[in-house]
Amino acid sequence: DCQAEGNPQPTYSWTPCDPKQSVCHENLLIFQANDKS
């Protein structure tokens, strides 16, 4: 959860994130971990 302030309302982007997913441009990113530590 990335919470931000600003006027006008800020836009969000997450890196890394699959650009085909709309969640890459929202404040909340849900991620499922695999074997990487």
PDB file of all heavy atoms in Angstrom:
ATOM      1  N   ASP A   1       0.842  -1.190   0.000  1.00  0.00           N
ATOM      2  CA  ASP A   1       0.000   0.000   0.000  1.00  0.00           C
ATOM      3  C   ASP A   1       0.881   1.245   0.000  1.00  0.00           C
ATOM      4  O   ASP A   1       1.631   1.488   0.935  1.00  0.00           O
ATOM      5  CB  ASP A   1      -0.908  -0.019   1.232  1.00  0.00           C
ATOM      6  CG  ASP A   1      -1.946   1.085   1.213  1.00  0.00           C
ATOM      7  OD1 ASP A   1      -2.139   1.716   0.154  1.00  0.00           O
ATOM      8  OD2 ASP A   1      -2.568   1.306   2.265  1.00  0.00           O
ATOM      9  N   CYS A   2       0.768   2.021  -1.064  1.00  0.00           N
ATOM     10  CA  CYS A   2       1.526   3.262  -1.210  1.00  0.00           C
ATOM     11  C   CYS A   2       0.532   4.414  -1.084  1.00  0.00           C
ATOM     12  O   CYS A   2      -0.293   4.619  -1.974  1.00  0.00           O
ATOM     13  CB  CYS A   2       2.209   3.271  -2.577  1.00  0.00           C
ATOM     14  SG  CYS A   2       3.231   4.721  -2.889  1.00  0.00           S
ATOM     15  N   GLN A   3       0.589   5.142   0.003  1.00  0.00           N
ATOM     16  CA  GLN A   3      -0.336   6.252   0.221  1.00  0.00           C
ATOM     17  C   GLN A   3       0.368   7.566  -0.076  1.00  0.00           C
ATOM     18  O   GLN A   3       1.487   7.794   0.390  1.00  0.00           O
ATOM     19  CB  GLN A   3      -0.849   6.233   1.654  1.00  0.00           C
ATOM     20  CG  GLN A   3      -1.635   4.978   1.980  1.00  0.00           C
ATOM     21  CD  GLN A   3      -2.037   4.920   3.442  1.00  0.00           C
ATOM     22  OE1 GLN A   3      -1.985   5.900   4.161  1.00  0.00           O
ATOM     23  NE2 GLN A   3      -2.435   3.736   3.886  1.00  0.00           N
ATOM     24  N   ALA A   4      -0.311   8.405  -0.860  1.00  0.00           N
ATOM     25  CA  ALA A   4       0.289   9.671  -1.274  1.00  0.00           C
ATOM     26  C   ALA A   4      -0.723  10.804  -1.181  1.00  0.00           C
ATOM     27  O   ALA A   4      -1.930  10.587  -1.152  1.00  0.00           O
ATOM     28  CB  ALA A   4       0.815   9.560  -2.699  1.00  0.00           C
ATOM     29  N   GLU A   5      -0.177  12.011  -1.142  1.00  0.00           N
ATOM     30  CA  GLU A   5      -0.979  13.222  -1.155  1.00  0.00           C
ATOM     31  C   GLU A   5      -0.521  14.089  -2.312  1.00  0.00           C
ATOM     32  O   GLU A   5       0.593  13.948  -2.801  1.00  0.00           O
ATOM     33  CB  GLU A   5      -0.786  14.010   0.151  1.00  0.00           C
ATOM     34  CG  GLU A   5      -1.265  13.304   1.377  1.00  0.00           C
ATOM     35  CD  GLU A   5      -0.979  14.090   2.650  1.00  0.00           C
ATOM     36  OE1 GLU A   5      -0.115  14.998   2.627  1.00  0.00           O
ATOM     37  OE2 GLU A   5      -1.610  13.781   3.668  1.00  0.00           O
ATOM     38  N   GLY A   6      -1.361  15.016  -2.685  1.00  0.00           N
ATOM     39  CA  GLY A   6      -1.014  15.977  -3.717  1.00  0.00           C
ATOM     40  C   GLY A   6      -2.264  16.605  -4.305  1.00  0.00           C
ATOM     41  O   GLY A   6      -3.350  16.043  -4.224  1.00  0.00           O
ATOM     42  N   ASN A   7      -2.114  17.797  -4.846  1.00  0.00           N
ATOM     43  CA  ASN A   7      -3.214  18.486  -5.511  1.00  0.00           C
ATOM     44  C   ASN A   7      -2.659  19.116  -6.777  1.00  0.00           C
ATOM     45  O   ASN A   7      -1.871  20.057  -6.679  1.00  0.00           O
ATOM     46  CB  ASN A   7      -3.808  19.543  -4.589  1.00  0.00           C
ATOM     47  CG  ASN A   7      -5.027  20.207  -5.198  1.00  0.00           C
ATOM     48  OD1 ASN A   7      -5.544  19.746  -6.197  1.00  0.00           O
ATOM     49  ND2 ASN A   7      -5.460  21.293  -4.598  1.00  0.00           N
ATOM     50  N   PRO A   8      -2.968  18.561  -7.946  1.00  0.00           N
ATOM     51  CA  PRO A   8      -3.998  17.563  -8.211  1.00  0.00           C
ATOM     52  C   PRO A   8      -3.601  16.171  -7.711  1.00  0.00           C
ATOM     53  O   PRO A   8      -2.443  15.910  -7.410  1.00  0.00           O
ATOM     54  CB  PRO A   8      -4.138  17.567  -9.734  1.00  0.00           C
ATOM     55  CG  PRO A   8      -2.819  18.046 -10.234  1.00  0.00           C
ATOM     56  CD  PRO A   8      -2.306  18.996  -9.191  1.00  0.00           C
ATOM     57  N   GLN A   9      -4.608  15.297  -7.643  1.00  0.00           N
ATOM     58  CA  GLN A   9      -4.434  13.918  -7.171  1.00  0.00           C
ATOM     59  C   GLN A   9      -3.299  13.237  -7.934  1.00  0.00           C
ATOM     60  O   GLN A   9      -3.257  13.278  -9.155  1.00  0.00           O
ATOM     61  CB  GLN A   9      -5.747  13.154  -7.383  1.00  0.00           C
ATOM     62  CG  GLN A   9      -5.735  11.738  -6.854  1.00  0.00           C
ATOM     63  CD  GLN A   9      -5.696  11.669  -5.342  1.00  0.00           C
ATOM     64  OE1 GLN A   9      -6.267  12.498  -4.654  1.00  0.00           O
ATOM     65  NE2 GLN A   9      -5.017  10.681  -4.815  1.00  0.00           N
ATOM     66  N   PRO A  10      -2.359  12.599  -7.238  1.00  0.00           N
ATOM     67  CA  PRO A  10      -1.249  11.933  -7.917  1.00  0.00           C
ATOM     68  C   PRO A  10      -1.669  10.675  -8.677  1.00  0.00           C
ATOM     69  O   PRO A  10      -2.658  10.028  -8.333  1.00  0.00           O
ATOM     70  CB  PRO A  10      -0.301  11.540  -6.779  1.00  0.00           C
ATOM     71  CG  PRO A  10      -0.803  12.174  -5.545  1.00  0.00           C
ATOM     72  CD  PRO A  10      -2.225  12.558  -5.783  1.00  0.00           C
ATOM     73  N   THR A  11      -0.888  10.351  -9.683  1.00  0.00           N
ATOM     74  CA  THR A  11      -1.001   9.059 -10.359  1.00  0.00           C
ATOM     75  C   THR A  11       0.047   8.141  -9.740  1.00  0.00           C
ATOM     76  O   THR A  11       1.041   8.594  -9.184  1.00  0.00           O
ATOM     77  CB  THR A  11      -0.753   9.188 -11.871  1.00  0.00           C
ATOM     78  OG1 THR A  11       0.564   9.713 -12.084  1.00  0.00           O
ATOM     79  CG2 THR A  11      -1.801  10.078 -12.533  1.00  0.00           C
ATOM     80  N   TYR A  12      -0.168   6.820  -9.867  1.00  0.00           N
ATOM     81  CA  TYR A  12       0.709   5.825  -9.261  1.00  0.00           C
ATOM     82  C   TYR A  12       1.296   4.920 -10.331  1.00  0.00           C
ATOM     83  O   TYR A  12       0.659   4.645 -11.341  1.00  0.00           O
ATOM     84  CB  TYR A  12      -0.087   4.930  -8.293  1.00  0.00           C
ATOM     85  CG  TYR A  12      -0.583   5.637  -7.067  1.00  0.00           C
ATOM     86  CD1 TYR A  12      -1.774   6.369  -7.083  1.00  0.00           C
ATOM     87  CD2 TYR A  12       0.121   5.569  -5.879  1.00  0.00           C
ATOM     88  CE1 TYR A  12      -2.234   7.008  -5.950  1.00  0.00           C
ATOM     89  CE2 TYR A  12      -0.339   6.201  -4.739  1.00  0.00           C
ATOM     90  CZ  TYR A  12      -1.516   6.925  -4.785  1.00  0.00           C
ATOM     91  OH  TYR A  12      -1.966   7.559  -3.651  1.00  0.00           O
ATOM     92  N   SER A  13       2.511   4.437 -10.068  1.00  0.00           N
ATOM     93  CA  SER A  13       3.067   3.362 -10.881  1.00  0.00           C
ATOM     94  C   SER A  13       4.004   2.533 -10.002  1.00  0.00           C
ATOM     95  O   SER A  13       4.701   3.063  -9.141  1.00  0.00           O
ATOM     96  CB  SER A  13       3.804   3.896 -12.105  1.00  0.00           C
ATOM     97  OG  SER A  13       4.895   4.702 -11.735  1.00  0.00           O
ATOM     98  N   TRP A  14       3.983   1.216 -10.219  1.00  0.00           N
ATOM     99  CA  TRP A  14       4.813   0.272  -9.473  1.00  0.00           C
ATOM    100  C   TRP A  14       5.842  -0.341 -10.414  1.00  0.00           C
ATOM    101  O   TRP A  14       5.549  -0.655 -11.552  1.00  0.00           O
ATOM    102  CB  TRP A  14       3.963  -0.864  -8.905  1.00  0.00           C
ATOM    103  CG  TRP A  14       3.126  -0.478  -7.735  1.00  0.00           C
ATOM    104  CD1 TRP A  14       1.826  -0.086  -7.758  1.00  0.00           C
ATOM    105  CD2 TRP A  14       3.529  -0.456  -6.366  1.00  0.00           C
ATOM    106  NE1 TRP A  14       1.390   0.173  -6.485  1.00  0.00           N
ATOM    107  CE2 TRP A  14       2.410  -0.052  -5.608  1.00  0.00           C
ATOM    108  CE3 TRP A  14       4.725  -0.742  -5.692  1.00  0.00           C
ATOM    109  CZ2 TRP A  14       2.456   0.079  -4.213  1.00  0.00           C
ATOM    110  CZ3 TRP A  14       4.759  -0.628  -4.320  1.00  0.00           C
ATOM    111  CH2 TRP A  14       3.645  -0.219  -3.597  1.00  0.00           C
ATOM    112  N   THR A  15       7.052  -0.520  -9.896  1.00  0.00           N
ATOM    113  CA  THR A  15       8.114  -1.180 -10.645  1.00  0.00           C
ATOM    114  C   THR A  15       8.768  -2.200  -9.725  1.00  0.00           C
ATOM    115  O   THR A  15       9.107  -1.846  -8.598  1.00  0.00           O
ATOM    116  CB  THR A  15       9.185  -0.165 -11.092  1.00  0.00           C
ATOM    117  OG1 THR A  15       8.535   0.902 -11.768  1.00  0.00           O
ATOM    118  CG2 THR A  15      10.197  -0.800 -12.013  1.00  0.00           C
ATOM    119  N   PRO A  16       8.977  -3.437 -10.134  1.00  0.00           N
ATOM    120  CA  PRO A  16       8.494  -4.043 -11.376  1.00  0.00           C
ATOM    121  C   PRO A  16       7.007  -4.377 -11.261  1.00  0.00           C
ATOM    122  O   PRO A  16       6.494  -4.603 -10.172  1.00  0.00           O
ATOM    123  CB  PRO A  16       9.317  -5.316 -11.498  1.00  0.00           C
ATOM    124  CG  PRO A  16       9.626  -5.705 -10.087  1.00  0.00           C
ATOM    125  CD  PRO A  16       9.743  -4.402  -9.319  1.00  0.00           C
ATOM    126  N   CYS A  17       6.358  -4.400 -12.401  1.00  0.00           N
ATOM    127  CA  CYS A  17       4.950  -4.776 -12.466  1.00  0.00           C
ATOM    128  C   CYS A  17       4.624  -5.040 -13.927  1.00  0.00           C
ATOM    129  O   CYS A  17       5.119  -4.332 -14.813  1.00  0.00           O
ATOM    130  CB  CYS A  17       4.070  -3.664 -11.920  1.00  0.00           C
ATOM    131  SG  CYS A  17       2.355  -4.159 -11.704  1.00  0.00           S
ATOM    132  N   ASP A  18       3.825  -6.053 -14.170  1.00  0.00           N
ATOM    133  CA  ASP A  18       3.410  -6.371 -15.534  1.00  0.00           C
ATOM    134  C   ASP A  18       2.531  -5.233 -16.049  1.00  0.00           C
ATOM    135  O   ASP A  18       1.451  -4.994 -15.502  1.00  0.00           O
ATOM    136  CB  ASP A  18       2.640  -7.689 -15.540  1.00  0.00           C
ATOM    137  CG  ASP A  18       2.225  -8.140 -16.921  1.00  0.00           C
ATOM    138  OD1 ASP A  18       2.347  -7.355 -17.884  1.00  0.00           O
ATOM    139  OD2 ASP A  18       1.773  -9.286 -17.045  1.00  0.00           O
ATOM    140  N   PRO A  19       2.962  -4.500 -17.071  1.00  0.00           N
ATOM    141  CA  PRO A  19       2.204  -3.330 -17.531  1.00  0.00           C
ATOM    142  C   PRO A  19       0.808  -3.664 -18.059  1.00  0.00           C
ATOM    143  O   PRO A  19      -0.015  -2.777 -18.207  1.00  0.00           O
ATOM    144  CB  PRO A  19       3.086  -2.737 -18.627  1.00  0.00           C
ATOM    145  CG  PRO A  19       4.047  -3.791 -19.001  1.00  0.00           C
ATOM    146  CD  PRO A  19       4.165  -4.725 -17.833  1.00  0.00           C
ATOM    147  N   LYS A  20       0.537  -4.930 -18.327  1.00  0.00           N
ATOM    148  CA  LYS A  20      -0.800  -5.328 -18.780  1.00  0.00           C
ATOM    149  C   LYS A  20      -1.808  -5.314 -17.635  1.00  0.00           C
ATOM    150  O   LYS A  20      -3.006  -5.367 -17.855  1.00  0.00           O
ATOM    151  CB  LYS A  20      -0.755  -6.714 -19.411  1.00  0.00           C
ATOM    152  CG  LYS A  20       0.092  -6.777 -20.659  1.00  0.00           C
ATOM    153  CD  LYS A  20       0.219  -8.195 -21.147  1.00  0.00           C
ATOM    154  CE  LYS A  20       1.262  -8.254 -22.252  1.00  0.00           C
ATOM    155  NZ  LYS A  20       1.940  -9.522 -22.299  1.00  0.00           N
ATOM    156  N   GLN A  21      -1.309  -5.276 -16.409  1.00  0.00           N
ATOM    157  CA  GLN A  21      -2.192  -5.265 -15.245  1.00  0.00           C
ATOM    158  C   GLN A  21      -2.539  -3.824 -14.874  1.00  0.00           C
ATOM    159  O   GLN A  21      -1.662  -2.991 -14.716  1.00  0.00           O
ATOM    160  CB  GLN A  21      -1.509  -5.915 -14.040  1.00  0.00           C
ATOM    161  CG  GLN A  21      -1.200  -7.376 -14.235  1.00  0.00           C
ATOM    162  CD  GLN A  21      -0.546  -7.944 -12.991  1.00  0.00           C
ATOM    163  OE1 GLN A  21      -0.625  -7.372 -11.910  1.00  0.00           O
ATOM    164  NE2 GLN A  21       0.102  -9.084 -13.140  1.00  0.00           N
ATOM    165  N   SER A  22      -3.812  -3.552 -14.709  1.00  0.00           N
ATOM    166  CA  SER A  22      -4.222  -2.201 -14.335  1.00  0.00           C
ATOM    167  C   SER A  22      -3.765  -1.842 -12.926  1.00  0.00           C
ATOM    168  O   SER A  22      -3.631  -0.673 -12.596  1.00  0.00           O
ATOM    169  CB  SER A  22      -5.739  -2.053 -14.449  1.00  0.00           C
ATOM    170  OG  SER A  22      -6.382  -2.947 -13.578  1.00  0.00           O
ATOM    171  N   VAL A  23      -3.506  -2.855 -12.081  1.00  0.00           N
ATOM    172  CA  VAL A  23      -3.084  -2.579 -10.709  1.00  0.00           C
ATOM    173  C   VAL A  23      -1.716  -1.915 -10.641  1.00  0.00           C
ATOM    174  O   VAL A  23      -1.344  -1.380  -9.610  1.00  0.00           O
ATOM    175  CB  VAL A  23      -3.079  -3.861  -9.835  1.00  0.00           C
ATOM    176  CG1 VAL A  23      -4.471  -4.408  -9.684  1.00  0.00           C
ATOM    177  CG2 VAL A  23      -2.140  -4.901 -10.378  1.00  0.00           C
ATOM    178  N   CYS A  24      -0.982  -1.924 -11.713  1.00  0.00           N
ATOM    179  CA  CYS A  24       0.324  -1.261 -11.728  1.00  0.00           C
ATOM    180  C   CYS A  24       0.185   0.248 -11.591  1.00  0.00           C
ATOM    181  O   CYS A  24       1.161   0.939 -11.341  1.00  0.00           O
ATOM    182  CB  CYS A  24       1.071  -1.572 -13.020  1.00  0.00           C
ATOM    183  SG  CYS A  24       1.536  -3.292 -13.177  1.00  0.00           S
ATOM    184  N   HIS A  25      -1.021   0.745 -11.768  1.00  0.00           N
ATOM    185  CA  HIS A  25      -1.245   2.191 -11.737  1.00  0.00           C
ATOM    186  C   HIS A  25      -2.239   2.580 -10.643  1.00  0.00           C
ATOM    187  O   HIS A  25      -2.974   3.543 -10.778  1.00  0.00           O
ATOM    188  CB  HIS A  25      -1.727   2.666 -13.110  1.00  0.00           C
ATOM    189  CG  HIS A  25      -0.768   2.298 -14.190  1.00  0.00           C
ATOM    190  ND1 HIS A  25       0.463   2.895 -14.320  1.00  0.00           N
ATOM    191  CD2 HIS A  25      -0.828   1.360 -15.153  1.00  0.00           C
ATOM    192  CE1 HIS A  25       1.107   2.340 -15.337  1.00  0.00           C
ATOM    193  NE2 HIS A  25       0.342   1.409 -15.855  1.00  0.00           N
ATOM    194  N   GLU A  26      -2.244   1.793  -9.554  1.00  0.00           N
ATOM    195  CA  GLU A  26      -3.091   2.073  -8.398  1.00  0.00           C
ATOM    196  C   GLU A  26      -2.205   2.110  -7.157  1.00  0.00           C
ATOM    197  O   GLU A  26      -1.064   1.659  -7.183  1.00  0.00           O
ATOM    198  CB  GLU A  26      -4.168   1.002  -8.252  1.00  0.00           C
ATOM    199  CG  GLU A  26      -5.129   0.972  -9.426  1.00  0.00           C
ATOM    200  CD  GLU A  26      -6.170  -0.140  -9.318  1.00  0.00           C
ATOM    201  OE1 GLU A  26      -6.255  -0.772  -8.246  1.00  0.00           O
ATOM    202  OE2 GLU A  26      -6.875  -0.360 -10.298  1.00  0.00           O
ATOM    203  N   ASN A  27      -2.748   2.632  -6.060  1.00  0.00           N
ATOM    204  CA  ASN A  27      -1.933   2.725  -4.846  1.00  0.00           C
ATOM    205  C   ASN A  27      -1.705   1.377  -4.175  1.00  0.00           C
ATOM    206  O   ASN A  27      -0.769   1.208  -3.414  1.00  0.00           O
ATOM    207  CB  ASN A  27      -2.554   3.707  -3.853  1.00  0.00           C
ATOM    208  CG  ASN A  27      -3.870   3.223  -3.282  1.00  0.00           C
ATOM    209  OD1 ASN A  27      -4.773   2.836  -4.028  1.00  0.00           O
ATOM    210  ND2 ASN A  27      -3.990   3.244  -1.983  1.00  0.00           N
ATOM    211  N   LEU A  28      -2.549   0.366  -4.484  1.00  0.00           N
ATOM    212  CA  LEU A  28      -2.437  -0.930  -3.837  1.00  0.00           C
ATOM    213  C   LEU A  28      -2.001  -1.985  -4.848  1.00  0.00           C
ATOM    214  O   LEU A  28      -2.642  -2.166  -5.875  1.00  0.00           O
ATOM    215  CB  LEU A  28      -3.794  -1.317  -3.230  1.00  0.00           C
ATOM    216  CG  LEU A  28      -3.823  -2.558  -2.347  1.00  0.00           C
ATOM    217  CD1 LEU A  28      -2.985  -2.348  -1.094  1.00  0.00           C
ATOM    218  CD2 LEU A  28      -5.252  -2.874  -1.964  1.00  0.00           C
ATOM    219  N   LEU A  29      -0.896  -2.663  -4.567  1.00  0.00           N
ATOM    220  CA  LEU A  29      -0.393  -3.733  -5.418  1.00  0.00           C
ATOM    221  C   LEU A  29      -0.429  -5.024  -4.619  1.00  0.00           C
ATOM    222  O   LEU A  29       0.105  -5.088  -3.508  1.00  0.00           O
ATOM    223  CB  LEU A  29       1.050  -3.439  -5.863  1.00  0.00           C
ATOM    224  CG  LEU A  29       1.730  -4.505  -6.708  1.00  0.00           C
ATOM    225  CD1 LEU A  29       1.062  -4.615  -8.076  1.00  0.00           C
ATOM    226  CD2 LEU A  29       3.206  -4.205  -6.872  1.00  0.00           C
ATOM    227  N   ILE A  30      -1.075  -6.055  -5.152  1.00  0.00           N
ATOM    228  CA  ILE A  30      -1.130  -7.359  -4.481  1.00  0.00           C
ATOM    229  C   ILE A  30      -0.170  -8.281  -5.213  1.00  0.00           C
ATOM    230  O   ILE A  30      -0.235  -8.432  -6.433  1.00  0.00           O
ATOM    231  CB  ILE A  30      -2.564  -7.921  -4.466  1.00  0.00           C
ATOM    232  CG1 ILE A  30      -3.455  -6.960  -3.678  1.00  0.00           C
ATOM    233  CG2 ILE A  30      -2.581  -9.320  -3.862  1.00  0.00           C
ATOM    234  CD1 ILE A  30      -4.915  -7.297  -3.716  1.00  0.00           C
ATOM    235  N   PHE A  31       0.731  -8.877  -4.465  1.00  0.00           N
ATOM    236  CA  PHE A  31       1.804  -9.681  -5.036  1.00  0.00           C
ATOM    237  C   PHE A  31       1.854 -11.019  -4.335  1.00  0.00           C
ATOM    238  O   PHE A  31       1.720 -11.099  -3.118  1.00  0.00           O
ATOM    239  CB  PHE A  31       3.137  -8.927  -4.860  1.00  0.00           C
ATOM    240  CG  PHE A  31       4.312  -9.693  -5.371  1.00  0.00           C
ATOM    241  CD1 PHE A  31       4.564  -9.750  -6.725  1.00  0.00           C
ATOM    242  CD2 PHE A  31       5.156 -10.348  -4.500  1.00  0.00           C
ATOM    243  CE1 PHE A  31       5.642 -10.467  -7.209  1.00  0.00           C
ATOM    244  CE2 PHE A  31       6.241 -11.063  -4.971  1.00  0.00           C
ATOM    245  CZ  PHE A  31       6.478 -11.128  -6.327  1.00  0.00           C
ATOM    246  N   GLN A  32       2.073 -12.082  -5.113  1.00  0.00           N
ATOM    247  CA  GLN A  32       2.229 -13.420  -4.533  1.00  0.00           C
ATOM    248  C   GLN A  32       3.677 -13.851  -4.665  1.00  0.00           C
ATOM    249  O   GLN A  32       4.228 -13.909  -5.761  1.00  0.00           O
ATOM    250  CB  GLN A  32       1.312 -14.428  -5.224  1.00  0.00           C
ATOM    251  CG  GLN A  32       1.395 -15.794  -4.565  1.00  0.00           C
ATOM    252  CD  GLN A  32       0.322 -16.739  -5.056  1.00  0.00           C
ATOM    253  OE1 GLN A  32      -0.683 -16.328  -5.609  1.00  0.00           O
ATOM    254  NE2 GLN A  32       0.538 -18.017  -4.842  1.00  0.00           N
ATOM    255  N   ALA A  33       4.280 -14.181  -3.547  1.00  0.00           N
ATOM    256  CA  ALA A  33       5.690 -14.570  -3.511  1.00  0.00           C
ATOM    257  C   ALA A  33       5.880 -15.986  -4.037  1.00  0.00           C
ATOM    258  O   ALA A  33       5.023 -16.838  -3.867  1.00  0.00           O
ATOM    259  CB  ALA A  33       6.214 -14.476  -2.085  1.00  0.00           C
ATOM    260  N   ASN A  34       7.037 -16.222  -4.671  1.00  0.00           N
ATOM    261  CA  ASN A  34       7.391 -17.591  -5.050  1.00  0.00           C
ATOM    262  C   ASN A  34       8.665 -17.969  -4.299  1.00  0.00           C
ATOM    263  O   ASN A  34       8.805 -17.617  -3.149  1.00  0.00           O
ATOM    264  CB  ASN A  34       7.504 -17.729  -6.575  1.00  0.00           C
ATOM    265  CG  ASN A  34       8.538 -16.819  -7.187  1.00  0.00           C
ATOM    266  OD1 ASN A  34       9.520 -16.472  -6.545  1.00  0.00           O
ATOM    267  ND2 ASN A  34       8.335 -16.415  -8.416  1.00  0.00           N
ATOM    268  N   ASP A  35       9.608 -18.640  -4.941  1.00  0.00           N
ATOM    269  CA  ASP A  35      10.787 -19.154  -4.238  1.00  0.00           C
ATOM    270  C   ASP A  35      11.875 -18.116  -3.979  1.00  0.00           C
ATOM    271  O   ASP A  35      12.779 -18.365  -3.208  1.00  0.00           O
ATOM    272  CB  ASP A  35      11.399 -20.320  -5.028  1.00  0.00           C
ATOM    273  CG  ASP A  35      10.453 -21.505  -5.089  1.00  0.00           C
ATOM    274  OD1 ASP A  35       9.567 -21.593  -4.225  1.00  0.00           O
ATOM    275  OD2 ASP A  35      10.585 -22.323  -6.005  1.00  0.00           O
ATOM    276  N   LYS A  36      11.818 -17.001  -4.637  1.00  0.00           N
ATOM    277  CA  LYS A  36      12.848 -15.977  -4.471  1.00  0.00           C
ATOM    278  C   LYS A  36      12.823 -15.451  -3.034  1.00  0.00           C
ATOM    279  O   LYS A  36      11.765 -15.296  -2.436  1.00  0.00           O
ATOM    280  CB  LYS A  36      12.575 -14.840  -5.457  1.00  0.00           C
ATOM    281  CG  LYS A  36      13.688 -13.866  -5.609  1.00  0.00           C
ATOM    282  CD  LYS A  36      13.343 -12.908  -6.747  1.00  0.00           C
ATOM    283  CE  LYS A  36      14.335 -11.784  -6.811  1.00  0.00           C
ATOM    284  NZ  LYS A  36      13.980 -10.820  -7.836  1.00  0.00           N
ATOM    285  N   SER A  37      13.989 -15.174  -2.460  1.00  0.00           N
ATOM    286  CA  SER A  37      14.022 -14.796  -1.054  1.00  0.00           C
ATOM    287  C   SER A  37      13.820 -13.301  -0.807  1.00  0.00           C
ATOM    288  O   SER A  37      13.364 -12.915   0.261  1.00  0.00           O
ATOM    289  CB  SER A  37      15.325 -15.259  -0.406  1.00  0.00           C
ATOM    290  OG  SER A  37      16.424 -14.737  -1.090  1.00  0.00           O
TER     291      SER A  37
END
